[in-house]
């Protein structure tokens, strides 16, 4: 099954497999994925500043890096966000500044194969 939102499309067959084989551990897996994604997003904003358009923003004060959070927002849902008001402008760009995406590239990577690799490394899939 595929779920799409915005420009990101997610194949949830990996999660469906995990639910089938590890019904009690799926929430722990979701939390581990969310935390690993948070770390990857935060790590992507540690390069030099200013960054080139199309690349993640560079590190200036560390506020953006430190603002990346994950929180459980439902029984089976985790939300990854930035708590600084300018994060959306960096991610999407503005009329005067090209985008410096740092969330979407990580989401695309996870939902086009990295989640499956993560599940295999955790020995959660029986193929």
C-alpha atoms as a PDB file:
ATOM      1  CA  UNK A   1       0.000   0.000   0.000  1.00  0.00           C
ATOM      2  CA  UNK A   2       1.253   3.524  -0.752  1.00  0.00           C
ATOM      3  CA  UNK A   3       0.426   6.702   1.122  1.00  0.00           C
ATOM      4  CA  UNK A   4       1.246  10.090  -0.359  1.00  0.00           C
ATOM      5  CA  UNK A   5       1.358  13.585   1.020  1.00  0.00           C
ATOM      6  CA  UNK A   6       2.794  16.610  -0.681  1.00  0.00           C
ATOM      7  CA  UNK A   7       5.665  15.449  -2.847  1.00  0.00           C
ATOM      8  CA  UNK A   8       6.569  12.443  -0.703  1.00  0.00           C
ATOM      9  CA  UNK A   9       5.056   9.041  -1.357  1.00  0.00           C
ATOM     10  CA  UNK A  10       5.524   6.310   1.212  1.00  0.00           C
ATOM     11  CA  UNK A  11       5.330   2.563   0.648  1.00  0.00           C
ATOM     12  CA  UNK A  12       4.046   1.144   3.938  1.00  0.00           C
ATOM     13  CA  UNK A  13       4.504  -2.523   3.003  1.00  0.00           C
ATOM     14  CA  UNK A  14       7.499  -2.690   5.358  1.00  0.00           C
ATOM     15  CA  UNK A  15       5.328  -1.545   8.251  1.00  0.00           C
ATOM     16  CA  UNK A  16       2.582  -3.965   7.227  1.00  0.00           C
ATOM     17  CA  UNK A  17       5.151  -6.789   7.369  1.00  0.00           C
ATOM     18  CA  UNK A  18       6.357  -5.660  10.771  1.00  0.00           C
ATOM     19  CA  UNK A  19       2.820  -5.554  12.125  1.00  0.00           C
ATOM     20  CA  UNK A  20       2.276  -9.100  10.903  1.00  0.00           C
ATOM     21  CA  UNK A  21       5.508 -10.487  12.405  1.00  0.00           C
ATOM     22  CA  UNK A  22       6.007  -8.324  15.494  1.00  0.00           C
ATOM     23  CA  UNK A  23       2.618  -7.037  16.651  1.00  0.00           C
ATOM     24  CA  UNK A  24       3.916  -5.894  20.042  1.00  0.00           C
ATOM     25  CA  UNK A  25       7.025  -4.188  18.695  1.00  0.00           C
ATOM     26  CA  UNK A  26       5.690  -1.992  15.917  1.00  0.00           C
ATOM     27  CA  UNK A  27       5.451   1.129  18.070  1.00  0.00           C
ATOM     28  CA  UNK A  28       9.032   0.662  19.275  1.00  0.00           C
ATOM     29  CA  UNK A  29      10.102   0.317  15.644  1.00  0.00           C
ATOM     30  CA  UNK A  30       8.208   3.476  14.653  1.00  0.00           C
ATOM     31  CA  UNK A  31       9.831   5.374  17.505  1.00  0.00           C
ATOM     32  CA  UNK A  32      13.290   4.104  16.538  1.00  0.00           C
ATOM     33  CA  UNK A  33      12.705   5.156  12.919  1.00  0.00           C
ATOM     34  CA  UNK A  34      11.455   8.590  13.982  1.00  0.00           C
ATOM     35  CA  UNK A  35      14.486   9.129  16.225  1.00  0.00           C
ATOM     36  CA  UNK A  36      16.908   7.976  13.528  1.00  0.00           C
ATOM     37  CA  UNK A  37      15.234  10.307  11.024  1.00  0.00           C
ATOM     38  CA  UNK A  38      15.430  13.189  13.518  1.00  0.00           C
ATOM     39  CA  UNK A  39      19.143  12.558  13.973  1.00  0.00           C
ATOM     40  CA  UNK A  40      19.698  12.458  10.224  1.00  0.00           C
ATOM     41  CA  UNK A  41      17.762  15.710   9.650  1.00  0.00           C
ATOM     42  CA  UNK A  42      19.702  17.439  12.452  1.00  0.00           C
ATOM     43  CA  UNK A  43      23.026  16.109  11.128  1.00  0.00           C
ATOM     44  CA  UNK A  44      22.217  17.442   7.663  1.00  0.00           C
ATOM     45  CA  UNK A  45      22.255  21.052   8.925  1.00  0.00           C
ATOM     46  CA  UNK A  46      25.823  21.007  10.219  1.00  0.00           C
ATOM     47  CA  UNK A  47      27.632  22.038   7.040  1.00  0.00           C
ATOM     48  CA  UNK A  48      29.194  25.384   6.196  1.00  0.00           C
ATOM     49  CA  UNK A  49      27.073  28.498   5.936  1.00  0.00           C
ATOM     50  CA  UNK A  50      25.821  29.837   3.681  1.00  0.00           C
ATOM     51  CA  UNK A  51      24.929  26.632   1.871  1.00  0.00           C
ATOM     52  CA  UNK A  52      24.374  26.295  -1.850  1.00  0.00           C
ATOM     53  CA  UNK A  53      20.741  26.433  -3.033  1.00  0.00           C
ATOM     54  CA  UNK A  54      19.255  22.930  -3.062  1.00  0.00           C
ATOM     55  CA  UNK A  55      21.543  21.752  -0.244  1.00  0.00           C
ATOM     56  CA  UNK A  56      20.618  21.658   3.453  1.00  0.00           C
ATOM     57  CA  UNK A  57      21.143  24.918   5.328  1.00  0.00           C
ATOM     58  CA  UNK A  58      24.510  25.458   6.955  1.00  0.00           C
ATOM     59  CA  UNK A  59      25.224  25.753  10.649  1.00  0.00           C
ATOM     60  CA  UNK A  60      25.327  29.313  12.010  1.00  0.00           C
ATOM     61  CA  UNK A  61      24.114  29.382  15.627  1.00  0.00           C
ATOM     62  CA  UNK A  62      22.992  25.771  16.068  1.00  0.00           C
ATOM     63  CA  UNK A  63      19.406  26.853  16.781  1.00  0.00           C
ATOM     64  CA  UNK A  64      18.003  25.026  13.751  1.00  0.00           C
ATOM     65  CA  UNK A  65      20.021  21.886  14.508  1.00  0.00           C
ATOM     66  CA  UNK A  66      18.921  21.901  18.151  1.00  0.00           C
ATOM     67  CA  UNK A  67      15.265  22.536  17.274  1.00  0.00           C
ATOM     68  CA  UNK A  68      14.681  19.269  15.399  1.00  0.00           C
ATOM     69  CA  UNK A  69      12.362  17.186  17.586  1.00  0.00           C
ATOM     70  CA  UNK A  70      10.290  14.029  17.470  1.00  0.00           C
ATOM     71  CA  UNK A  71       7.214  13.460  19.562  1.00  0.00           C
ATOM     72  CA  UNK A  72       4.572  10.775  19.758  1.00  0.00           C
ATOM     73  CA  UNK A  73       1.366  12.490  18.654  1.00  0.00           C
ATOM     74  CA  UNK A  74      -0.935   9.499  18.561  1.00  0.00           C
ATOM     75  CA  UNK A  75      -1.059   5.824  19.484  1.00  0.00           C
ATOM     76  CA  UNK A  76       0.762   4.882  16.263  1.00  0.00           C
ATOM     77  CA  UNK A  77       2.073   8.251  15.124  1.00  0.00           C
ATOM     78  CA  UNK A  78       5.286  10.211  15.606  1.00  0.00           C
ATOM     79  CA  UNK A  79       5.801  13.760  14.371  1.00  0.00           C
ATOM     80  CA  UNK A  80       9.153  15.153  13.311  1.00  0.00           C
ATOM     81  CA  UNK A  81       9.379  18.937  13.361  1.00  0.00           C
ATOM     82  CA  UNK A  82      11.557  21.993  13.803  1.00  0.00           C
ATOM     83  CA  UNK A  83      10.687  24.486  16.493  1.00  0.00           C
ATOM     84  CA  UNK A  84      12.272  27.537  14.824  1.00  0.00           C
ATOM     85  CA  UNK A  85       9.966  29.726  12.789  1.00  0.00           C
ATOM     86  CA  UNK A  86      12.278  30.045   9.795  1.00  0.00           C
ATOM     87  CA  UNK A  87      12.633  26.304   9.155  1.00  0.00           C
ATOM     88  CA  UNK A  88       9.802  26.311   6.606  1.00  0.00           C
ATOM     89  CA  UNK A  89      11.391  29.174   4.684  1.00  0.00           C
ATOM     90  CA  UNK A  90      14.646  27.238   4.465  1.00  0.00           C
ATOM     91  CA  UNK A  91      12.920  24.000   3.463  1.00  0.00           C
ATOM     92  CA  UNK A  92      10.697  25.518   0.769  1.00  0.00           C
ATOM     93  CA  UNK A  93      12.507  28.727  -0.159  1.00  0.00           C
ATOM     94  CA  UNK A  94      11.015  32.168  -0.546  1.00  0.00           C
ATOM     95  CA  UNK A  95      10.568  34.704  -3.301  1.00  0.00           C
ATOM     96  CA  UNK A  96      14.098  35.965  -2.579  1.00  0.00           C
ATOM     97  CA  UNK A  97      15.864  32.767  -1.485  1.00  0.00           C
ATOM     98  CA  UNK A  98      16.159  29.345  -3.088  1.00  0.00           C
ATOM     99  CA  UNK A  99      15.101  26.330  -1.039  1.00  0.00           C
ATOM    100  CA  UNK A 100      17.593  24.555   1.178  1.00  0.00           C
ATOM    101  CA  UNK A 101      15.632  21.369   1.889  1.00  0.00           C
ATOM    102  CA  UNK A 102      16.628  19.287   4.868  1.00  0.00           C
ATOM    103  CA  UNK A 103      13.442  17.401   5.840  1.00  0.00           C
ATOM    104  CA  UNK A 104      12.137  16.162   2.478  1.00  0.00           C
ATOM    105  CA  UNK A 105      15.432  14.564   1.324  1.00  0.00           C
ATOM    106  CA  UNK A 106      15.596  12.529   4.539  1.00  0.00           C
ATOM    107  CA  UNK A 107      11.948  11.443   4.223  1.00  0.00           C
ATOM    108  CA  UNK A 108      12.504  10.447   0.599  1.00  0.00           C
ATOM    109  CA  UNK A 109      15.574   8.402   1.525  1.00  0.00           C
ATOM    110  CA  UNK A 110      13.761   6.569   4.318  1.00  0.00           C
ATOM    111  CA  UNK A 111      10.687   5.809   2.271  1.00  0.00           C
ATOM    112  CA  UNK A 112      12.584   4.644  -0.788  1.00  0.00           C
ATOM    113  CA  UNK A 113      14.597   1.920   0.904  1.00  0.00           C
ATOM    114  CA  UNK A 114      16.296   3.010   4.106  1.00  0.00           C
ATOM    115  CA  UNK A 115      13.358   1.920   6.289  1.00  0.00           C
ATOM    116  CA  UNK A 116      13.540  -1.565   4.823  1.00  0.00           C
ATOM    117  CA  UNK A 117      17.289  -1.692   5.494  1.00  0.00           C
ATOM    118  CA  UNK A 118      16.689  -0.436   9.054  1.00  0.00           C
ATOM    119  CA  UNK A 119      14.112  -3.191   9.650  1.00  0.00           C
ATOM    120  CA  UNK A 120      16.476  -5.832   8.260  1.00  0.00           C
ATOM    121  CA  UNK A 121      19.344  -4.607  10.444  1.00  0.00           C
ATOM    122  CA  UNK A 122      17.059  -4.856  13.474  1.00  0.00           C
ATOM    123  CA  UNK A 123      16.206  -8.423  12.357  1.00  0.00           C
ATOM    124  CA  UNK A 124      12.516  -7.565  12.236  1.00  0.00           C
ATOM    125  CA  UNK A 125      11.699  -8.979   8.821  1.00  0.00           C
ATOM    126  CA  UNK A 126      11.334 -12.616   7.932  1.00  0.00           C
ATOM    127  CA  UNK A 127      11.611 -12.940   4.190  1.00  0.00           C
END
